[in-house]
């Protein structure tokens, strides 16, 4: 019913490379002010208050997935091209949601678990 839901992040990037698609720059490494919360790098924003012990810093990051900025984190990265992103994705053992989504911290493969359970 949802054939793309079976694609891995690597499948998506291979397709982007093969079709020479243009994508938003947020998916590539860029300097950004972030802070760390529970192991996730979140963007400094007026919509996301920081606790007193959460200090911001500038880091080279990219987003593996894009969603609500209050729960979607960035990853440290220097990848500025599709081929560099592919190399990073191929080397990681944590899914994009497991690494960057605060609401998916129940397991490293929470979304894949939901798929198997018929979530969508």
Protein backbone atom coordinates (compact mmCIF):
# COMPACT_ATOMS: atom_id res chain seq x y z
CA UNK A 1 0.00 0.00 0.00
CA UNK A 2 2.87 2.42 0.82
CA UNK A 3 5.79 1.18 -1.32
CA UNK A 4 8.15 4.02 -0.37
CA UNK A 5 7.76 3.19 3.30
CA UNK A 6 9.83 0.08 2.62
CA UNK A 7 12.74 2.12 1.26
CA UNK A 8 15.71 2.59 3.50
CA UNK A 9 17.40 5.95 3.93
CA UNK A 10 20.19 4.60 1.72
CA UNK A 11 17.64 3.68 -0.99
CA UNK A 12 16.31 7.24 -0.95
CA UNK A 13 19.78 8.77 -1.26
CA UNK A 14 20.74 6.36 -4.06
CA UNK A 15 17.59 7.45 -5.91
CA UNK A 16 18.42 11.13 -5.36
CA UNK A 17 21.90 10.51 -6.75
CA UNK A 18 20.72 8.39 -9.69
CA UNK A 19 18.05 10.92 -10.72
CA UNK A 20 20.29 13.92 -9.97
CA UNK A 21 17.52 15.48 -7.87
CA UNK A 22 17.82 18.85 -6.17
CA UNK A 23 17.06 18.76 -2.46
CA UNK A 24 16.83 21.41 0.26
CA UNK A 25 20.16 22.47 1.73
CA UNK A 26 19.13 21.46 5.28
CA UNK A 27 19.97 17.85 4.30
CA UNK A 28 23.62 18.86 3.80
CA UNK A 29 26.15 19.87 6.44
CA UNK A 30 26.01 23.51 7.53
CA UNK A 31 27.01 25.54 10.57
CA UNK A 32 24.18 25.88 13.07
CA UNK A 33 23.66 26.87 16.68
CA UNK A 34 22.54 23.76 18.55
CA UNK A 35 22.36 22.29 22.03
CA UNK A 36 22.34 18.71 23.25
CA UNK A 37 19.37 17.10 24.99
CA UNK A 38 19.33 13.39 25.76
CA UNK A 39 22.05 12.77 23.16
CA UNK A 40 20.19 14.64 20.40
CA UNK A 41 21.43 17.89 18.82
CA UNK A 42 18.50 20.30 18.65
CA UNK A 43 18.48 23.68 16.91
CA UNK A 44 18.39 26.74 19.11
CA UNK A 45 14.97 28.28 18.62
CA UNK A 46 12.41 30.45 20.33
CA UNK A 47 10.06 27.45 20.11
CA UNK A 48 12.30 25.17 22.17
CA UNK A 49 13.21 26.46 25.62
CA UNK A 50 16.48 25.14 27.03
CA UNK A 51 17.01 23.97 30.57
CA UNK A 52 19.54 25.87 32.66
CA UNK A 53 22.25 23.27 32.06
CA UNK A 54 21.71 23.10 28.26
CA UNK A 55 24.29 25.37 26.64
CA UNK A 56 24.34 26.18 22.95
CA UNK A 57 27.30 25.86 20.60
CA UNK A 58 28.00 26.10 16.88
CA UNK A 59 28.47 22.80 15.07
CA UNK A 60 28.63 21.47 11.53
CA UNK A 61 25.41 19.47 11.27
CA UNK A 62 22.90 18.14 8.79
CA UNK A 63 19.41 16.74 9.12
CA UNK A 64 18.74 13.11 8.27
CA UNK A 65 15.01 13.72 8.52
CA UNK A 66 12.99 16.91 8.71
CA UNK A 67 10.03 17.41 10.98
CA UNK A 68 8.89 19.36 14.00
CA UNK A 69 12.00 21.25 15.14
CA UNK A 70 11.11 20.68 18.80
CA UNK A 71 11.67 16.91 18.44
CA UNK A 72 13.84 16.53 15.32
CA UNK A 73 17.58 16.58 15.86
CA UNK A 74 20.60 17.12 13.68
CA UNK A 75 23.68 14.94 13.35
CA UNK A 76 27.28 16.08 13.35
CA UNK A 77 28.38 15.98 9.72
CA UNK A 78 30.71 17.37 7.10
CA UNK A 79 28.74 15.90 4.15
CA UNK A 80 28.02 18.61 1.58
CA UNK A 81 27.32 16.40 -1.45
CA UNK A 82 25.00 13.49 -2.16
CA UNK A 83 27.92 11.05 -2.41
CA UNK A 84 29.27 12.21 0.97
CA UNK A 85 25.83 11.78 2.55
CA UNK A 86 25.59 8.29 1.05
CA UNK A 87 28.97 7.40 2.58
CA UNK A 88 27.81 8.63 6.00
CA UNK A 89 24.49 6.78 5.81
CA UNK A 90 26.18 3.57 4.65
CA UNK A 91 28.54 3.71 7.65
CA UNK A 92 25.92 4.25 10.36
CA UNK A 93 24.10 1.52 12.22
CA UNK A 94 21.40 3.78 13.69
CA UNK A 95 18.33 4.71 11.67
CA UNK A 96 17.64 8.36 10.95
CA UNK A 97 14.63 8.32 13.24
CA UNK A 98 16.45 6.44 15.99
CA UNK A 99 19.27 8.97 15.92
CA UNK A 100 17.35 12.19 15.43
CA UNK A 101 13.78 11.88 16.68
CA UNK A 102 13.20 12.46 20.39
CA UNK A 103 9.82 10.73 20.20
CA UNK A 104 11.39 7.58 18.76
CA UNK A 105 13.78 6.93 21.63
CA UNK A 106 11.85 3.83 22.66
CA UNK A 107 14.24 1.79 20.43
CA UNK A 108 16.83 2.34 17.69
CA UNK A 109 14.37 0.97 15.14
CA UNK A 110 11.09 2.38 16.47
CA UNK A 111 9.66 3.31 13.05
CA UNK A 112 10.61 -0.04 11.54
CA UNK A 113 8.96 -1.72 14.53
CA UNK A 114 5.81 0.33 13.88
CA UNK A 115 5.83 -0.73 10.22
CA UNK A 116 5.98 -4.40 11.18
CA UNK A 117 3.11 -3.86 13.62
CA UNK A 118 0.97 -2.33 10.85
CA UNK A 119 1.28 1.31 11.99
CA UNK A 120 1.01 2.35 8.32
